[in-house]
C-alpha atoms as a PDB file:
ATOM      1  CA  MET A   1      91.248-131.514-140.323  1.00  0.00           C
ATOM      2  CA  GLN A   2      89.811-134.895-141.306  1.00  0.00           C
ATOM      3  CA  VAL A   3      93.297-136.391-141.777  1.00  0.00           C
ATOM      4  CA  GLY A   4      94.442-135.074-138.400  1.00  0.00           C
ATOM      5  CA  LEU A   5      91.354-136.422-136.676  1.00  0.00           C
ATOM      6  CA  ARG A   6      91.706-139.794-138.402  1.00  0.00           C
ATOM      7  CA  ARG A   7      95.338-140.153-137.374  1.00  0.00           C
ATOM      8  CA  THR A   8      94.683-138.927-133.823  1.00  0.00           C
ATOM      9  CA  VAL A   9      91.823-141.366-133.231  1.00  0.00           C
ATOM     10  CA  ALA A  10      93.825-144.263-134.689  1.00  0.00           C
ATOM     11  CA  ALA A  11      96.820-143.358-132.496  1.00  0.00           C
ATOM     12  CA  ILE A  12      94.640-143.134-129.376  1.00  0.00           C
ATOM     13  CA  THR A  13      92.979-146.445-130.230  1.00  0.00           C
ATOM     14  CA  SER A  14      96.378-148.046-130.783  1.00  0.00           C
ATOM     15  CA  GLY A  15      97.592-146.853-127.397  1.00  0.00           C
ATOM     16  CA  VAL A  16      94.428-148.011-125.652  1.00  0.00           C
ATOM     17  CA  LEU A  17      94.710-151.477-127.227  1.00  0.00           C
ATOM     18  CA  VAL A  18      98.386-151.819-126.281  1.00  0.00           C
ATOM     19  CA  VAL A  19      97.586-150.884-122.669  1.00  0.00           C
ATOM     20  CA  GLU A  20      94.600-153.234-122.701  1.00  0.00           C
ATOM     21  CA  GLY A  21      96.723-156.083-124.099  1.00  0.00           C
ATOM     22  CA  VAL A  22      99.402-155.665-121.440  1.00  0.00           C
ATOM     23  CA  GLY A  23      96.738-155.337-118.738  1.00  0.00           C
ATOM     24  CA  MET A  24      94.931-158.442-119.961  1.00  0.00           C
ATOM     25  CA  ALA A  25      98.140-160.476-119.933  1.00  0.00           C
ATOM     26  CA  LEU A  26      99.048-159.265-116.429  1.00  0.00           C
ATOM     27  CA  LEU A  27      95.528-159.964-115.147  1.00  0.00           C
ATOM     28  CA  ASN A  28      95.634-163.523-116.478  1.00  0.00           C
ATOM     29  CA  PHE A  29      99.081-164.082-114.987  1.00  0.00           C
ATOM     30  CA  LEU A  30      97.720-162.917-111.629  1.00  0.00           C
ATOM     31  CA  LEU A  31      94.716-165.240-111.998  1.00  0.00           C
ATOM     32  CA  GLY A  32      97.069-168.081-112.960  1.00  0.00           C
ATOM     33  CA  HIS A  33      99.124-167.442-109.838  1.00  0.00           C
ATOM     34  CA  LEU A  34      95.996-167.435-107.682  1.00  0.00           C
ATOM     35  CA  LEU A  35      94.869-170.693-109.288  1.00  0.00           C
ATOM     36  CA  SER A  36      98.226-172.349-108.660  1.00  0.00           C
ATOM     37  CA  GLU A  37      98.072-171.378-104.966  1.00  0.00           C
ATOM     38  CA  GLN A  38      94.616-172.824-104.295  1.00  0.00           C
ATOM     39  CA  HIS A  39      94.062-176.491-103.544  1.00  0.00           C
ATOM     40  CA  MET A  40      90.632-177.183-104.978  1.00  0.00           C
ATOM     41  CA  SER A  41      89.635-179.083-108.070  1.00  0.00           C
ATOM     42  CA  LEU A  42      87.078-178.065-110.659  1.00  0.00           C
ATOM     43  CA  ALA A  43      85.436-181.156-112.169  1.00  0.00           C
ATOM     44  CA  GLY A  44      88.571-183.192-111.486  1.00  0.00           C
ATOM     45  CA  LEU A  45      90.989-180.836-113.282  1.00  0.00           C
ATOM     46  CA  ASP A  46      94.415-180.362-111.831  1.00  0.00           C
ATOM     47  CA  THR A  47      95.038-176.830-110.535  1.00  0.00           C
ATOM     48  CA  SER A  48      98.342-176.575-112.402  1.00  0.00           C
ATOM     49  CA  VAL A  49      96.540-177.298-115.702  1.00  0.00           C
ATOM     50  CA  MET A  50      94.000-174.567-114.994  1.00  0.00           C
ATOM     51  CA  ALA A  51      96.735-172.114-113.966  1.00  0.00           C
ATOM     52  CA  ASN A  52      98.813-172.803-117.082  1.00  0.00           C
ATOM     53  CA  ALA A  53      95.757-172.554-119.339  1.00  0.00           C
ATOM     54  CA  THR A  54      94.899-169.184-117.802  1.00  0.00           C
ATOM     55  CA  ARG A  55      98.438-167.919-118.382  1.00  0.00           C
ATOM     56  CA  VAL A  56      98.468-169.141-121.980  1.00  0.00           C
ATOM     57  CA  ALA A  57      95.070-167.542-122.631  1.00  0.00           C
ATOM     58  CA  GLY A  58      96.391-164.261-121.244  1.00  0.00           C
ATOM     59  CA  VAL A  59      99.461-164.368-123.478  1.00  0.00           C
ATOM     60  CA  VAL A  60      97.427-165.235-126.582  1.00  0.00           C
ATOM     61  CA  PHE A  61      94.823-162.533-125.958  1.00  0.00           C
ATOM     62  CA  GLY A  62      97.519-160.007-125.059  1.00  0.00           C
ATOM     63  CA  ILE A  63      99.411-160.727-128.290  1.00  0.00           C
ATOM     64  CA  TYR A  64      96.156-160.419-130.235  1.00  0.00           C
ATOM     65  CA  LEU A  65      95.412-156.992-128.759  1.00  0.00           C
ATOM     66  CA  LEU A  66      99.016-155.890-129.303  1.00  0.00           C
ATOM     67  CA  ALA A  67      98.781-156.984-132.947  1.00  0.00           C
ATOM     68  CA  VAL A  68      95.620-154.921-133.408  1.00  0.00           C
ATOM     69  CA  GLY A  69      97.368-151.960-131.775  1.00  0.00           C
ATOM     70  CA  ILE A  70     100.374-152.350-134.079  1.00  0.00           C
ATOM     71  CA  VAL A  71      98.094-152.513-137.124  1.00  0.00           C
ATOM     72  CA  LEU A  72      96.497-149.237-136.063  1.00  0.00           C
ATOM     73  CA  LEU A  73      99.897-147.703-135.397  1.00  0.00           C
ATOM     74  CA  LEU A  74     101.002-148.661-138.910  1.00  0.00           C
ATOM     75  CA  THR A  75      97.816-147.063-140.206  1.00  0.00           C
ATOM     76  CA  VAL A  76      98.800-143.845-138.429  1.00  0.00           C
ATOM     77  CA  VAL A  77     102.379-143.899-139.694  1.00  0.00           C
ATOM     78  CA  ARG A  78     101.496-144.737-143.297  1.00  0.00           C
ATOM     79  CA  ASP A  79      98.280-142.663-143.335  1.00  0.00           C
ATOM     80  CA  ARG A  80      96.615-145.282-145.509  1.00  0.00           C
ATOM     81  CA  ALA A  81      93.575-147.438-145.062  1.00  0.00           C
ATOM     82  CA  PRO A  82      94.348-150.850-143.587  1.00  0.00           C
ATOM     83  CA  GLY A  83      94.585-153.761-146.002  1.00  0.00           C
ATOM     84  CA  THR A  84      92.308-156.779-146.110  1.00  0.00           C
ATOM     85  CA  PHE A  85      94.020-158.768-143.341  1.00  0.00           C
ATOM     86  CA  ALA A  86      94.290-155.691-141.146  1.00  0.00           C
ATOM     87  CA  ARG A  87      90.603-154.880-141.693  1.00  0.00           C
ATOM     88  CA  ILE A  88      89.645-158.427-140.704  1.00  0.00           C
ATOM     89  CA  LEU A  89      91.790-158.100-137.581  1.00  0.00           C
ATOM     90  CA  LEU A  90      90.185-154.762-136.693  1.00  0.00           C
ATOM     91  CA  ILE A  91      86.667-156.072-137.322  1.00  0.00           C
ATOM     92  CA  SER A  92      87.334-159.124-135.151  1.00  0.00           C
ATOM     93  CA  ALA A  93      88.630-156.849-132.373  1.00  0.00           C
ATOM     94  CA  ALA A  94      85.475-154.732-132.635  1.00  0.00           C
ATOM     95  CA  VAL A  95      83.292-157.845-132.397  1.00  0.00           C
ATOM     96  CA  VAL A  96      85.292-159.135-129.416  1.00  0.00           C
ATOM     97  CA  HIS A  97      84.891-155.816-127.610  1.00  0.00           C
ATOM     98  CA  GLY A  98      81.150-155.820-128.329  1.00  0.00           C
ATOM     99  CA  VAL A  99      80.756-159.320-126.909  1.00  0.00           C
ATOM    100  CA  ILE A 100      82.934-158.566-123.886  1.00  0.00           C
ATOM    101  CA  GLY A 101      80.889-155.422-123.271  1.00  0.00           C
ATOM    102  CA  ALA A 102      77.629-157.347-123.458  1.00  0.00           C
ATOM    103  CA  VAL A 103      78.890-159.964-121.016  1.00  0.00           C
ATOM    104  CA  ALA A 104      80.527-157.389-118.745  1.00  0.00           C
ATOM    105  CA  VAL A 105      77.317-155.451-118.184  1.00  0.00           C
ATOM    106  CA  GLY A 106      75.843-158.437-116.366  1.00  0.00           C
ATOM    107  CA  LEU A 107      78.972-159.592-114.563  1.00  0.00           C
ATOM    108  CA  LEU A 108      81.004-156.467-113.848  1.00  0.00           C
ATOM    109  CA  GLY A 109      78.614-153.543-114.184  1.00  0.00           C
ATOM    110  CA  TRP A 110      77.901-150.572-116.377  1.00  0.00           C
ATOM    111  CA  ALA A 111      81.295-148.893-115.977  1.00  0.00           C
ATOM    112  CA  ILE A 112      83.127-151.737-117.732  1.00  0.00           C
ATOM    113  CA  PHE A 113      80.388-151.826-120.351  1.00  0.00           C
ATOM    114  CA  VAL A 114      80.936-148.134-121.092  1.00  0.00           C
ATOM    115  CA  VAL A 115      84.712-148.645-121.358  1.00  0.00           C
ATOM    116  CA  MET A 116      84.238-151.532-123.798  1.00  0.00           C
ATOM    117  CA  MET A 117      81.758-149.525-125.872  1.00  0.00           C
ATOM    118  CA  VAL A 118      84.155-146.560-126.037  1.00  0.00           C
ATOM    119  CA  ILE A 119      86.902-148.874-127.307  1.00  0.00           C
ATOM    120  CA  LEU A 120      84.415-150.405-129.748  1.00  0.00           C
ATOM    121  CA  GLY A 121      83.515-146.929-130.982  1.00  0.00           C
ATOM    122  CA  LEU A 122      87.190-146.030-131.439  1.00  0.00           C
ATOM    123  CA  LEU A 123      87.770-149.227-133.421  1.00  0.00           C
ATOM    124  CA  VAL A 124      84.740-148.656-135.641  1.00  0.00           C
ATOM    125  CA  PHE A 125      85.716-145.023-136.214  1.00  0.00           C
ATOM    126  CA  SER A 126      89.234-146.104-137.170  1.00  0.00           C
ATOM    127  CA  LEU A 127      87.785-148.651-139.585  1.00  0.00           C
ATOM    128  CA  ILE A 128      85.239-146.523-141.396  1.00  0.00           C
ATOM    129  CA  ASN A 129      86.998-143.169-141.373  1.00  0.00           C
ATOM    130  CA  HIS A 130      89.323-144.088-144.236  1.00  0.00           C
ATOM    131  CA  GLY A 131      86.335-144.805-146.452  1.00  0.00           C
ATOM    132  CA  GLU A 132      86.684-146.077-149.983  1.00  0.00           C
ATOM    133  CA  ASN A 133      89.477-143.739-150.940  1.00  0.00           C
ATOM    134  CA  GLY A 134      92.365-145.310-149.079  1.00  0.00           C
ATOM    135  CA  ALA A 135      95.527-143.221-148.956  1.00  0.00           C
ATOM    136  CA  GLY A 136      94.954-140.018-147.105  1.00  0.00           C
ATOM    137  CA  GLY A 137      91.468-139.457-148.483  1.00  0.00           C
ATOM    138  CA  ALA A 138      92.601-138.933-152.084  1.00  0.00           C
ATOM    139  CA  SER A 139      90.194-140.152-154.706  1.00  0.00           C
ATOM    140  CA  GLY A 140      91.254-142.719-157.286  1.00  0.00           C
ATOM    141  CA  ALA A 141      91.418-140.086-160.044  1.00  0.00           C
ATOM    142  CA  GLU A 142      93.753-137.905-158.005  1.00  0.00           C
ATOM    143  CA  ALA A 143      95.957-140.759-156.877  1.00  0.00           C
ATOM    144  CA  ALA A 144      96.559-142.223-160.352  1.00  0.00           C
ATOM    145  CA  PRO A 145      98.895-140.281-162.637  1.00  0.00           C
ATOM    146  CA  THR A 146      97.299-139.042-165.818  1.00  0.00           C
ATOM    147  CA  PRO A 147      99.002-139.901-169.095  1.00  0.00           C
ATOM    148  CA  THR A 148     100.243-136.979-171.130  1.00  0.00           C
ATOM    149  CA  ALA A 149     100.331-136.737-174.874  1.00  0.00           C
ATOM    150  CA  SER A 150     103.806-136.225-176.331  1.00  0.00           C
END
């Protein structure tokens, strides 16, 4: 049951992050379009620079979230604990969601905060559920072949 739960949560988290990445990229493209259509300046910046920077930020953040989703999907397919780089990526995504949730509660309200905290919880669960054992919950003694006397 633990293996099924681990894989299910990681798959759900992967799907949520992929949807969030695509949504974030689309939102920033919409904001970039709105910026390019307005004719005001912010501290002397050209509107086309602000619009392009918003689009680039959306693409970068979208790719980041897609990469985290792919890492979790690979975790589901392989049924192994993520490696060092993947763990760092997952931890950074958890931290980002915590910070976004903290900022969102003041700017956007409690509903967005709850969504960010649910995603944070899914990420943390996906990180810690593999534990020390790695592949499928097998201990090191069970995973290593024992030598036989001939």
